Amino acid sequence: MMYCDCTPEHEVVWEADEATLSETLVEAIATVEGVRPIELEPLADTIDAVALDALFESADATRGPEQVFFFAVSGWNVFVSGDGRIQICDPEESSTPSPVFESATVD
C-alpha cells in the first residue's frame, strides 16, 4: 500500500472504453487547475504518454488495485492505481500520511 502526505484535490476513474488513460489524466489535471485541457502544458513534456497508455491498456490480468504508479506532472502529484483510479494531489499542501487509495472504488 502506498502512502502520501499531500492533499488530494481530485479523484477520477479511467474508463478504457471512453478515452485513453493519458486523455483522462489531462482532463483531471485541467479540472484541478480550472482550465481547458488545451491550455495545459503538453503531457509529453513530462512523461511518455504513449508508454503510460500502453502500460495500462495491456491485457495483463495480474494488474490490480494494490499496484500504484506515481509521477509528478504540471506541479501535481499523480497516482494511478492498477484498476484505473487516478488521484491528483497538491504537493504544497501537507496532510497526515494516509493511503493514496482508501477503498477499492470511487463513489
C-alpha atoms as a PDB file:
ATOM      1  CA  MET A   1       0.000   0.000   0.000  1.00  0.00           C
ATOM      2  CA  MET A   2       1.345   3.432  -0.965  1.00  0.00           C
ATOM      3  CA  TYR A   3       1.048   6.368   1.441  1.00  0.00           C
ATOM      4  CA  CYS A   4       1.312  10.076   0.734  1.00  0.00           C
ATOM      5  CA  ASP A   5       1.260  13.253   2.771  1.00  0.00           C
ATOM      6  CA  CYS A   6      -0.006  15.549   0.031  1.00  0.00           C
ATOM      7  CA  THR A   7      -3.581  16.830  -0.117  1.00  0.00           C
ATOM      8  CA  PRO A   8      -5.930  15.044  -2.551  1.00  0.00           C
ATOM      9  CA  GLU A   9      -7.608  17.521  -4.899  1.00  0.00           C
ATOM     10  CA  HIS A  10      -9.403  15.302  -7.416  1.00  0.00           C
ATOM     11  CA  GLU A  11     -10.068  11.609  -7.997  1.00  0.00           C
ATOM     12  CA  VAL A  12     -11.490  10.040 -11.133  1.00  0.00           C
ATOM     13  CA  VAL A  13     -11.736   6.572 -12.638  1.00  0.00           C
ATOM     14  CA  TRP A  14     -10.324   5.924 -16.091  1.00  0.00           C
ATOM     15  CA  GLU A  15     -12.892   4.253 -18.351  1.00  0.00           C
ATOM     16  CA  ALA A  16     -10.879   2.401 -21.010  1.00  0.00           C
ATOM     17  CA  ASP A  17     -13.811   2.241 -23.418  1.00  0.00           C
ATOM     18  CA  GLU A  18     -14.253   6.047 -23.353  1.00  0.00           C
ATOM     19  CA  ALA A  19     -10.718   7.515 -23.511  1.00  0.00           C
ATOM     20  CA  THR A  20      -7.054   6.689 -23.162  1.00  0.00           C
ATOM     21  CA  LEU A  21      -5.517   6.941 -19.711  1.00  0.00           C
ATOM     22  CA  SER A  22      -3.481   9.967 -20.790  1.00  0.00           C
ATOM     23  CA  GLU A  23      -6.628  11.742 -22.081  1.00  0.00           C
ATOM     24  CA  THR A  24      -8.369  11.087 -18.761  1.00  0.00           C
ATOM     25  CA  LEU A  25      -5.294  12.333 -16.915  1.00  0.00           C
ATOM     26  CA  VAL A  26      -5.207  15.577 -18.928  1.00  0.00           C
ATOM     27  CA  GLU A  27      -8.925  16.134 -18.220  1.00  0.00           C
ATOM     28  CA  ALA A  28      -8.338  15.538 -14.494  1.00  0.00           C
ATOM     29  CA  ILE A  29      -5.435  17.991 -14.307  1.00  0.00           C
ATOM     30  CA  ALA A  30      -7.428  20.589 -16.252  1.00  0.00           C
ATOM     31  CA  THR A  31     -10.297  20.156 -13.791  1.00  0.00           C
ATOM     32  CA  VAL A  32      -7.991  20.741 -10.819  1.00  0.00           C
ATOM     33  CA  GLU A  33      -6.410  23.787 -12.446  1.00  0.00           C
ATOM     34  CA  GLY A  34      -9.743  25.190 -13.631  1.00  0.00           C
ATOM     35  CA  VAL A  35      -8.647  25.455 -17.259  1.00  0.00           C
ATOM     36  CA  ARG A  36      -9.415  23.785 -20.571  1.00  0.00           C
ATOM     37  CA  PRO A  37      -7.191  20.804 -21.429  1.00  0.00           C
ATOM     38  CA  ILE A  38      -5.740  22.676 -24.411  1.00  0.00           C
ATOM     39  CA  GLU A  39      -4.369  25.306 -22.001  1.00  0.00           C
ATOM     40  CA  LEU A  40      -2.127  22.801 -20.180  1.00  0.00           C
ATOM     41  CA  GLU A  41       1.498  22.087 -20.975  1.00  0.00           C
ATOM     42  CA  PRO A  42       1.669  19.042 -23.256  1.00  0.00           C
ATOM     43  CA  LEU A  43       1.760  15.876 -21.160  1.00  0.00           C
ATOM     44  CA  ALA A  44       4.595  14.621 -23.360  1.00  0.00           C
ATOM     45  CA  ASP A  45       6.816  17.388 -21.934  1.00  0.00           C
ATOM     46  CA  THR A  46       6.820  15.497 -18.618  1.00  0.00           C
ATOM     47  CA  ILE A  47       6.068  11.831 -19.219  1.00  0.00           C
ATOM     48  CA  ASP A  48       5.854   9.402 -22.109  1.00  0.00           C
ATOM     49  CA  ALA A  49       2.066   9.367 -22.569  1.00  0.00           C
ATOM     50  CA  VAL A  50       2.236   6.615 -25.197  1.00  0.00           C
ATOM     51  CA  ALA A  51       4.136   4.346 -22.790  1.00  0.00           C
ATOM     52  CA  LEU A  52       1.727   5.212 -19.952  1.00  0.00           C
ATOM     53  CA  ASP A  53      -1.265   4.309 -22.123  1.00  0.00           C
ATOM     54  CA  ALA A  54       0.394   1.083 -23.268  1.00  0.00           C
ATOM     55  CA  LEU A  55       1.219   0.111 -19.681  1.00  0.00           C
ATOM     56  CA  PHE A  56      -2.405   0.375 -18.592  1.00  0.00           C
ATOM     57  CA  GLU A  57      -4.102  -0.818 -21.778  1.00  0.00           C
ATOM     58  CA  SER A  58      -2.326  -4.160 -21.762  1.00  0.00           C
ATOM     59  CA  ALA A  59      -4.459  -7.167 -21.018  1.00  0.00           C
ATOM     60  CA  ASP A  60      -2.297  -8.097 -18.034  1.00  0.00           C
ATOM     61  CA  ALA A  61      -4.726  -9.766 -15.644  1.00  0.00           C
ATOM     62  CA  THR A  62      -2.198  -9.556 -12.804  1.00  0.00           C
ATOM     63  CA  ARG A  63      -2.577  -5.775 -12.509  1.00  0.00           C
ATOM     64  CA  GLY A  64      -4.760  -4.898  -9.537  1.00  0.00           C
ATOM     65  CA  PRO A  65      -5.780  -2.008  -7.307  1.00  0.00           C
ATOM     66  CA  GLU A  66      -2.841  -2.570  -4.961  1.00  0.00           C
ATOM     67  CA  GLN A  67      -0.407  -1.584  -7.720  1.00  0.00           C
ATOM     68  CA  VAL A  68       0.119   2.184  -7.834  1.00  0.00           C
ATOM     69  CA  PHE A  69       2.083   4.193 -10.384  1.00  0.00           C
ATOM     70  CA  PHE A  70       3.299   7.625  -9.194  1.00  0.00           C
ATOM     71  CA  PHE A  71       4.709  10.623 -11.047  1.00  0.00           C
ATOM     72  CA  ALA A  72       4.661  14.421 -10.894  1.00  0.00           C
ATOM     73  CA  VAL A  73       3.223  16.479 -13.739  1.00  0.00           C
ATOM     74  CA  SER A  74       2.344  20.174 -14.049  1.00  0.00           C
ATOM     75  CA  GLY A  75       3.180  20.699 -10.371  1.00  0.00           C
ATOM     76  CA  TRP A  76       0.809  17.964  -9.152  1.00  0.00           C
ATOM     77  CA  ASN A  77       1.472  14.554  -7.641  1.00  0.00           C
ATOM     78  CA  VAL A  78      -0.380  11.975  -9.711  1.00  0.00           C
ATOM     79  CA  PHE A  79      -1.216   8.468  -8.542  1.00  0.00           C
ATOM     80  CA  VAL A  80      -2.729   5.854 -10.859  1.00  0.00           C
ATOM     81  CA  SER A  81      -3.872   2.526  -9.457  1.00  0.00           C
ATOM     82  CA  GLY A  82      -3.761  -0.706 -11.397  1.00  0.00           C
ATOM     83  CA  ASP A  83      -7.554  -0.676 -11.644  1.00  0.00           C
ATOM     84  CA  GLY A  84      -7.588   2.760 -13.317  1.00  0.00           C
ATOM     85  CA  ARG A  85      -8.247   5.145 -10.445  1.00  0.00           C
ATOM     86  CA  ILE A  86      -6.435   8.467 -10.745  1.00  0.00           C
ATOM     87  CA  GLN A  87      -5.786  10.788  -7.821  1.00  0.00           C
ATOM     88  CA  ILE A  88      -4.363  14.280  -8.280  1.00  0.00           C
ATOM     89  CA  CYS A  89      -2.738  15.713  -5.138  1.00  0.00           C
ATOM     90  CA  ASP A  90      -1.288  19.087  -4.229  1.00  0.00           C
ATOM     91  CA  PRO A  91       2.296  18.547  -3.009  1.00  0.00           C
ATOM     92  CA  GLU A  92       2.348  22.041  -1.479  1.00  0.00           C
ATOM     93  CA  GLU A  93      -0.473  21.183   0.943  1.00  0.00           C
ATOM     94  CA  SER A  94       0.697  18.645   3.516  1.00  0.00           C
ATOM     95  CA  SER A  95      -1.642  16.334   5.355  1.00  0.00           C
ATOM     96  CA  THR A  96      -1.318  13.374   7.682  1.00  0.00           C
ATOM     97  CA  PRO A  97       0.207  10.475   5.735  1.00  0.00           C
ATOM     98  CA  SER A  98      -2.556   8.171   4.566  1.00  0.00           C
ATOM     99  CA  PRO A  99      -3.097   5.502   1.917  1.00  0.00           C
ATOM    100  CA  VAL A 100      -3.395   7.035  -1.533  1.00  0.00           C
ATOM    101  CA  PHE A 101      -6.435   4.920  -2.336  1.00  0.00           C
ATOM    102  CA  GLU A 102      -8.535   4.056   0.716  1.00  0.00           C
ATOM    103  CA  SER A 103     -11.085   1.765  -0.917  1.00  0.00           C
ATOM    104  CA  ALA A 104     -11.482  -0.378  -3.998  1.00  0.00           C
ATOM    105  CA  THR A 105     -13.797   2.031  -5.817  1.00  0.00           C
ATOM    106  CA  VAL A 106     -14.564   5.712  -6.202  1.00  0.00           C
ATOM    107  CA  ASP A 107     -18.050   6.973  -5.339  1.00  0.00           C
END
